[in-house]
Amino acid sequence: MTTVYACEDHLAADEYIDIVRKSGLNRPVDDRHRVERMLAHANLIISARQDGKIVGFARSLTDFCFCCYLSDLAVDRALQGKGIGKRLIEETRKAAGGALTTTLLLSAPTAMTFYQGIKMPHADNCFLYRRQK
């Protein structure tokens, strides 16, 4: 089946929640208002669709010339391991400004092997304040 990748102006909350649940990504999907705010303020969403149905997405915040924070990468578990996540990252990097833009993401502990497997560079100079809920 062909997977179509596209930059979307908006991702519906229902689609986001569905794929997050199917992917295993830990996001506040039971708080629809928060999900809607997360989607409304993202300024780069790359989708992966098969027959028009969303199967994965990358949600980012970027200035399109210097920095990009890839906040969410989610692919339906039934389709993981087929290169969709890697391609979503590639499409995100291209849309965010290519080689001129630093793309940063914070990995969930369970996803570390995925990022290592696609040989995504690892940084040791990250500092963060964790959200409280």
N, C-alpha and C. Protein backbone atom coordinates (compact mmCIF):
# COMPACT_ATOMS: atom_id res chain seq x y z
N MET A 1 0.84 -1.18 0.00
CA MET A 1 0.00 0.00 0.00
C MET A 1 0.89 1.24 0.00
N THR A 2 0.51 2.24 -0.75
CA THR A 2 1.27 3.47 -0.87
C THR A 2 0.98 4.40 0.30
N THR A 3 2.04 4.95 0.85
CA THR A 3 1.91 5.94 1.93
C THR A 3 2.19 7.31 1.33
N VAL A 4 1.29 8.25 1.55
CA VAL A 4 1.42 9.61 1.05
C VAL A 4 1.78 10.51 2.23
N TYR A 5 2.86 11.27 2.06
CA TYR A 5 3.33 12.20 3.09
C TYR A 5 2.98 13.61 2.66
N ALA A 6 2.48 14.41 3.60
CA ALA A 6 2.09 15.78 3.25
C ALA A 6 2.23 16.69 4.46
N CYS A 7 2.49 17.95 4.17
CA CYS A 7 2.47 19.00 5.17
C CYS A 7 1.02 19.46 5.27
N GLU A 8 0.44 19.41 6.46
CA GLU A 8 -0.96 19.75 6.63
C GLU A 8 -1.09 21.02 7.47
N ASP A 9 -2.06 21.84 7.10
CA ASP A 9 -2.32 23.07 7.87
C ASP A 9 -2.91 22.75 9.23
N HIS A 10 -3.64 21.65 9.31
CA HIS A 10 -4.33 21.31 10.55
C HIS A 10 -4.52 19.79 10.61
N LEU A 11 -4.41 19.25 11.80
CA LEU A 11 -4.72 17.84 12.04
C LEU A 11 -5.88 17.81 13.01
N ALA A 12 -6.92 17.08 12.68
CA ALA A 12 -8.10 16.99 13.54
C ALA A 12 -7.75 16.28 14.85
N ALA A 13 -8.35 16.74 15.93
CA ALA A 13 -8.11 16.13 17.24
C ALA A 13 -8.44 14.65 17.23
N ASP A 14 -9.51 14.25 16.55
CA ASP A 14 -9.88 12.83 16.50
C ASP A 14 -8.79 11.99 15.84
N GLU A 15 -8.20 12.51 14.76
CA GLU A 15 -7.13 11.78 14.08
C GLU A 15 -5.90 11.69 14.98
N TYR A 16 -5.56 12.79 15.61
CA TYR A 16 -4.41 12.82 16.52
C TYR A 16 -4.60 11.78 17.64
N ILE A 17 -5.74 11.84 18.30
CA ILE A 17 -6.01 10.94 19.42
C ILE A 17 -5.98 9.48 18.96
N ASP A 18 -6.57 9.19 17.81
CA ASP A 18 -6.60 7.83 17.29
C ASP A 18 -5.19 7.28 17.08
N ILE A 19 -4.34 8.04 16.40
CA ILE A 19 -2.99 7.55 16.12
C ILE A 19 -2.13 7.51 17.37
N VAL A 20 -2.27 8.48 18.24
CA VAL A 20 -1.51 8.43 19.49
C VAL A 20 -1.86 7.16 20.25
N ARG A 21 -3.13 6.84 20.35
CA ARG A 21 -3.54 5.60 21.04
C ARG A 21 -3.00 4.36 20.34
N LYS A 22 -3.03 4.36 19.02
CA LYS A 22 -2.56 3.20 18.25
C LYS A 22 -1.04 3.08 18.24
N SER A 23 -0.35 4.17 18.55
CA SER A 23 1.12 4.17 18.48
C SER A 23 1.78 3.79 19.81
N GLY A 24 1.10 4.07 20.90
CA GLY A 24 1.71 3.87 22.21
C GLY A 24 2.39 5.10 22.77
N LEU A 25 2.35 6.22 22.02
CA LEU A 25 2.93 7.48 22.49
C LEU A 25 2.15 7.97 23.70
N ASN A 26 2.86 8.46 24.70
CA ASN A 26 2.23 8.94 25.92
C ASN A 26 1.90 10.42 25.79
N ARG A 27 0.66 10.72 25.49
CA ARG A 27 0.18 12.09 25.39
C ARG A 27 -1.17 12.19 26.11
N PRO A 28 -1.60 13.39 26.50
CA PRO A 28 -2.82 13.55 27.31
C PRO A 28 -4.10 13.44 26.46
N VAL A 29 -4.30 12.29 25.82
CA VAL A 29 -5.42 12.12 24.88
C VAL A 29 -6.79 12.13 25.55
N ASP A 30 -6.83 11.98 26.85
CA ASP A 30 -8.12 12.04 27.55
C ASP A 30 -8.52 13.48 27.87
N ASP A 31 -7.65 14.42 27.58
CA ASP A 31 -7.92 15.84 27.79
C ASP A 31 -8.04 16.50 26.41
N ARG A 32 -9.23 16.38 25.81
CA ARG A 32 -9.44 16.85 24.44
C ARG A 32 -9.12 18.34 24.28
N HIS A 33 -9.49 19.15 25.26
CA HIS A 33 -9.21 20.58 25.17
C HIS A 33 -7.69 20.83 25.04
N ARG A 34 -6.92 20.10 25.83
CA ARG A 34 -5.46 20.26 25.77
C ARG A 34 -4.92 19.80 24.41
N VAL A 35 -5.43 18.69 23.90
CA VAL A 35 -5.03 18.20 22.57
C VAL A 35 -5.35 19.24 21.51
N GLU A 36 -6.53 19.83 21.57
CA GLU A 36 -6.91 20.85 20.59
C GLU A 36 -5.97 22.05 20.66
N ARG A 37 -5.57 22.45 21.86
CA ARG A 37 -4.62 23.56 22.00
C ARG A 37 -3.25 23.17 21.46
N MET A 38 -2.82 21.94 21.73
CA MET A 38 -1.54 21.46 21.21
C MET A 38 -1.52 21.53 19.68
N LEU A 39 -2.60 21.10 19.07
CA LEU A 39 -2.68 21.10 17.61
C LEU A 39 -2.80 22.51 17.04
N ALA A 40 -3.56 23.35 17.71
CA ALA A 40 -3.76 24.72 17.22
C ALA A 40 -2.47 25.52 17.21
N HIS A 41 -1.56 25.23 18.11
CA HIS A 41 -0.33 26.02 18.22
C HIS A 41 0.88 25.38 17.57
N ALA A 42 0.73 24.17 17.06
CA ALA A 42 1.83 23.58 16.28
C ALA A 42 1.85 24.30 14.93
N ASN A 43 3.04 24.52 14.40
CA ASN A 43 3.07 25.20 13.11
C ASN A 43 3.69 24.35 12.00
N LEU A 44 3.95 23.08 12.28
CA LEU A 44 4.39 22.15 11.24
C LEU A 44 3.86 20.76 11.58
N ILE A 45 2.97 20.28 10.75
CA ILE A 45 2.42 18.93 10.91
C ILE A 45 2.63 18.19 9.61
N ILE A 46 3.34 17.08 9.69
CA ILE A 46 3.55 16.21 8.54
C ILE A 46 2.74 14.95 8.80
N SER A 47 1.92 14.59 7.83
CA SER A 47 1.09 13.39 7.98
C SER A 47 1.57 12.28 7.06
N ALA A 48 1.24 11.07 7.45
CA ALA A 48 1.42 9.88 6.61
C ALA A 48 0.04 9.27 6.48
N ARG A 49 -0.44 9.12 5.24
CA ARG A 49 -1.78 8.58 5.01
C ARG A 49 -1.73 7.43 4.01
N GLN A 50 -2.61 6.48 4.24
CA GLN A 50 -2.81 5.38 3.30
C GLN A 50 -4.29 5.35 2.96
N ASP A 51 -4.58 5.44 1.67
CA ASP A 51 -5.97 5.53 1.21
C ASP A 51 -6.73 6.65 1.93
N GLY A 52 -6.06 7.76 2.19
CA GLY A 52 -6.66 8.92 2.83
C GLY A 52 -6.76 8.84 4.34
N LYS A 53 -6.48 7.66 4.91
CA LYS A 53 -6.58 7.47 6.36
C LYS A 53 -5.22 7.71 7.01
N ILE A 54 -5.22 8.51 8.06
CA ILE A 54 -3.95 8.80 8.73
C ILE A 54 -3.40 7.56 9.41
N VAL A 55 -2.09 7.32 9.21
CA VAL A 55 -1.42 6.19 9.85
C VAL A 55 -0.24 6.65 10.69
N GLY A 56 0.11 7.95 10.58
CA GLY A 56 1.21 8.50 11.36
C GLY A 56 1.32 9.99 11.16
N PHE A 57 2.04 10.65 12.06
CA PHE A 57 2.25 12.09 11.93
C PHE A 57 3.46 12.52 12.74
N ALA A 58 3.99 13.68 12.36
CA ALA A 58 5.02 14.38 13.14
C ALA A 58 4.48 15.78 13.39
N ARG A 59 4.49 16.20 14.65
CA ARG A 59 3.99 17.53 15.04
C ARG A 59 5.15 18.33 15.61
N SER A 60 5.37 19.53 15.04
CA SER A 60 6.53 20.32 15.43
C SER A 60 6.21 21.79 15.63
N LEU A 61 7.14 22.47 16.30
CA LEU A 61 7.15 23.93 16.44
C LEU A 61 8.47 24.39 15.83
N THR A 62 8.41 25.33 14.89
CA THR A 62 9.61 25.74 14.19
C THR A 62 9.54 27.19 13.73
N ASP A 63 10.73 27.75 13.44
CA ASP A 63 10.80 29.07 12.80
C ASP A 63 11.15 28.93 11.32
N PHE A 64 11.32 27.70 10.85
CA PHE A 64 11.58 27.36 9.45
C PHE A 64 12.92 27.84 8.91
N CYS A 65 13.86 28.21 9.80
CA CYS A 65 15.16 28.64 9.28
C CYS A 65 16.32 28.38 10.24
N PHE A 66 16.03 28.11 11.52
CA PHE A 66 17.11 27.93 12.48
C PHE A 66 16.86 26.78 13.45
N CYS A 67 15.62 26.65 13.93
CA CYS A 67 15.35 25.59 14.91
C CYS A 67 13.97 24.97 14.69
N CYS A 68 13.89 23.70 15.05
CA CYS A 68 12.64 22.95 14.97
C CYS A 68 12.60 21.98 16.13
N TYR A 69 11.52 22.04 16.91
CA TYR A 69 11.31 21.08 17.99
C TYR A 69 10.25 20.10 17.52
N LEU A 70 10.67 18.88 17.24
CA LEU A 70 9.75 17.82 16.82
C LEU A 70 9.18 17.22 18.10
N SER A 71 7.98 17.63 18.44
CA SER A 71 7.37 17.27 19.72
C SER A 71 6.74 15.88 19.72
N ASP A 72 6.05 15.53 18.63
CA ASP A 72 5.35 14.24 18.57
C ASP A 72 5.69 13.52 17.28
N LEU A 73 6.06 12.27 17.41
CA LEU A 73 6.21 11.37 16.26
C LEU A 73 5.43 10.12 16.61
N ALA A 74 4.39 9.85 15.84
CA ALA A 74 3.52 8.71 16.15
C ALA A 74 3.16 7.95 14.87
N VAL A 75 3.28 6.63 14.94
CA VAL A 75 2.92 5.75 13.83
C VAL A 75 2.12 4.59 14.42
N ASP A 76 1.03 4.27 13.76
CA ASP A 76 0.19 3.13 14.17
C ASP A 76 1.10 1.91 14.38
N ARG A 77 0.98 1.25 15.53
CA ARG A 77 1.81 0.08 15.85
C ARG A 77 1.77 -0.97 14.75
N ALA A 78 0.63 -1.14 14.10
CA ALA A 78 0.48 -2.15 13.05
C ALA A 78 1.38 -1.85 11.85
N LEU A 79 1.86 -0.61 11.74
CA LEU A 79 2.69 -0.22 10.60
C LEU A 79 4.10 0.20 11.01
N GLN A 80 4.43 0.07 12.28
CA GLN A 80 5.78 0.42 12.72
C GLN A 80 6.78 -0.57 12.12
N GLY A 81 7.98 -0.08 11.87
CA GLY A 81 9.02 -0.92 11.30
C GLY A 81 9.03 -0.92 9.78
N LYS A 82 8.22 -0.08 9.17
CA LYS A 82 8.12 -0.01 7.71
C LYS A 82 8.72 1.28 7.14
N GLY A 83 9.42 2.05 7.97
CA GLY A 83 10.08 3.26 7.51
C GLY A 83 9.24 4.52 7.57
N ILE A 84 8.02 4.42 8.08
CA ILE A 84 7.14 5.60 8.12
C ILE A 84 7.66 6.65 9.08
N GLY A 85 8.08 6.26 10.27
CA GLY A 85 8.61 7.22 11.25
C GLY A 85 9.85 7.92 10.73
N LYS A 86 10.76 7.17 10.15
CA LYS A 86 11.98 7.75 9.59
C LYS A 86 11.64 8.75 8.49
N ARG A 87 10.70 8.39 7.63
CA ARG A 87 10.31 9.31 6.55
C ARG A 87 9.62 10.56 7.10
N LEU A 88 8.81 10.42 8.16
CA LEU A 88 8.18 11.59 8.78
C LEU A 88 9.24 12.55 9.31
N ILE A 89 10.32 12.02 9.88
CA ILE A 89 11.40 12.87 10.36
C ILE A 89 12.08 13.56 9.17
N GLU A 90 12.35 12.82 8.11
CA GLU A 90 12.99 13.41 6.92
C GLU A 90 12.13 14.53 6.34
N GLU A 91 10.82 14.30 6.22
CA GLU A 91 9.91 15.31 5.67
C GLU A 91 9.82 16.53 6.60
N THR A 92 9.87 16.29 7.90
CA THR A 92 9.87 17.39 8.87
C THR A 92 11.12 18.24 8.69
N ARG A 93 12.26 17.59 8.61
CA ARG A 93 13.52 18.33 8.45
C ARG A 93 13.51 19.15 7.17
N LYS A 94 13.04 18.57 6.09
CA LYS A 94 12.99 19.28 4.81
C LYS A 94 12.07 20.49 4.91
N ALA A 95 10.87 20.31 5.47
CA ALA A 95 9.90 21.40 5.57
C ALA A 95 10.36 22.50 6.52
N ALA A 96 11.13 22.13 7.54
CA ALA A 96 11.56 23.10 8.56
C ALA A 96 12.79 23.91 8.14
N GLY A 97 13.34 23.62 6.98
CA GLY A 97 14.48 24.40 6.51
C GLY A 97 15.70 23.59 6.14
N GLY A 98 15.58 22.28 6.16
CA GLY A 98 16.68 21.42 5.74
C GLY A 98 17.91 21.55 6.61
N ALA A 99 19.08 21.55 5.97
CA ALA A 99 20.35 21.54 6.68
C ALA A 99 20.62 22.84 7.44
N LEU A 100 19.87 23.90 7.16
CA LEU A 100 20.06 25.17 7.88
C LEU A 100 19.40 25.16 9.26
N THR A 101 18.55 24.18 9.50
CA THR A 101 17.73 24.15 10.72
C THR A 101 18.12 22.98 11.62
N THR A 102 18.32 23.25 12.90
CA THR A 102 18.53 22.18 13.88
C THR A 102 17.17 21.58 14.22
N THR A 103 17.07 20.27 14.14
CA THR A 103 15.84 19.58 14.54
C THR A 103 16.14 18.82 15.82
N LEU A 104 15.34 19.09 16.83
CA LEU A 104 15.53 18.53 18.17
C LEU A 104 14.28 17.76 18.57
N LEU A 105 14.47 16.63 19.23
CA LEU A 105 13.34 15.93 19.85
C LEU A 105 13.81 15.28 21.13
N LEU A 106 12.87 15.10 22.03
CA LEU A 106 13.14 14.39 23.28
C LEU A 106 12.48 13.03 23.16
N SER A 107 13.25 11.98 23.27
CA SER A 107 12.73 10.63 23.09
C SER A 107 12.13 10.07 24.38
N ALA A 108 11.05 9.34 24.20
CA ALA A 108 10.54 8.53 25.31
C ALA A 108 11.55 7.41 25.52
N PRO A 109 11.74 6.95 26.75
CA PRO A 109 12.71 5.88 27.00
C PRO A 109 12.48 4.65 26.12
N THR A 110 11.24 4.33 25.84
CA THR A 110 10.93 3.14 25.04
C THR A 110 11.22 3.32 23.55
N ALA A 111 11.47 4.55 23.11
CA ALA A 111 11.73 4.81 21.69
C ALA A 111 13.21 5.03 21.38
N MET A 112 14.05 5.00 22.37
CA MET A 112 15.48 5.27 22.16
C MET A 112 16.08 4.37 21.08
N THR A 113 15.74 3.10 21.08
CA THR A 113 16.33 2.18 20.09
C THR A 113 15.91 2.54 18.67
N PHE A 114 14.70 3.09 18.50
CA PHE A 114 14.28 3.52 17.17
C PHE A 114 15.21 4.61 16.65
N TYR A 115 15.45 5.65 17.45
CA TYR A 115 16.28 6.76 17.01
C TYR A 115 17.73 6.34 16.82
N GLN A 116 18.21 5.45 17.67
CA GLN A 116 19.55 4.90 17.48
C GLN A 116 19.61 4.08 16.19
N GLY A 117 18.57 3.32 15.93
CA GLY A 117 18.52 2.47 14.73
C GLY A 117 18.52 3.25 13.43
N ILE A 118 17.92 4.44 13.42
CA ILE A 118 17.93 5.25 12.19
C ILE A 118 19.14 6.19 12.18
N LYS A 119 20.00 6.00 13.18
CA LYS A 119 21.25 6.77 13.29
C LYS A 119 21.01 8.28 13.42
N MET A 120 19.99 8.63 14.16
CA MET A 120 19.76 10.04 14.45
C MET A 120 20.81 10.48 15.45
N PRO A 121 21.47 11.62 15.20
CA PRO A 121 22.51 12.06 16.13
C PRO A 121 21.96 12.27 17.55
N HIS A 122 22.78 11.93 18.53
CA HIS A 122 22.41 12.03 19.94
C HIS A 122 23.15 13.21 20.56
N ALA A 123 22.47 13.98 21.39
CA ALA A 123 23.10 15.15 22.03
C ALA A 123 23.26 14.92 23.52
N ASP A 124 24.35 15.45 24.08
CA ASP A 124 24.54 15.37 25.54
C ASP A 124 24.36 16.72 26.20
N ASN A 125 23.99 17.73 25.44
CA ASN A 125 23.94 19.09 25.99
C ASN A 125 22.52 19.62 26.11
N CYS A 126 21.62 18.77 26.52
CA CYS A 126 20.23 19.17 26.64
C CYS A 126 19.89 19.39 28.12
N PHE A 127 19.15 20.45 28.38
CA PHE A 127 18.66 20.74 29.72
C PHE A 127 17.17 20.97 29.61
N LEU A 128 16.41 20.61 30.64
CA LEU A 128 14.97 20.80 30.53
C LEU A 128 14.30 20.88 31.89
N TYR A 129 13.19 21.58 31.89
CA TYR A 129 12.26 21.57 33.01
C TYR A 129 11.13 20.65 32.58
N ARG A 130 10.85 19.63 33.33
CA ARG A 130 9.78 18.68 32.97
C ARG A 130 8.43 19.24 33.37
N ARG A 131 7.42 18.94 32.55
CA ARG A 131 6.06 19.38 32.88
C ARG A 131 5.60 18.67 34.15
N GLN A 132 4.71 19.30 34.87
CA GLN A 132 4.25 18.75 36.13
C GLN A 132 3.09 17.78 35.96
N LYS A 133 2.37 17.88 34.81
CA LYS A 133 1.30 16.92 34.55
C LYS A 133 0.99 16.84 33.09
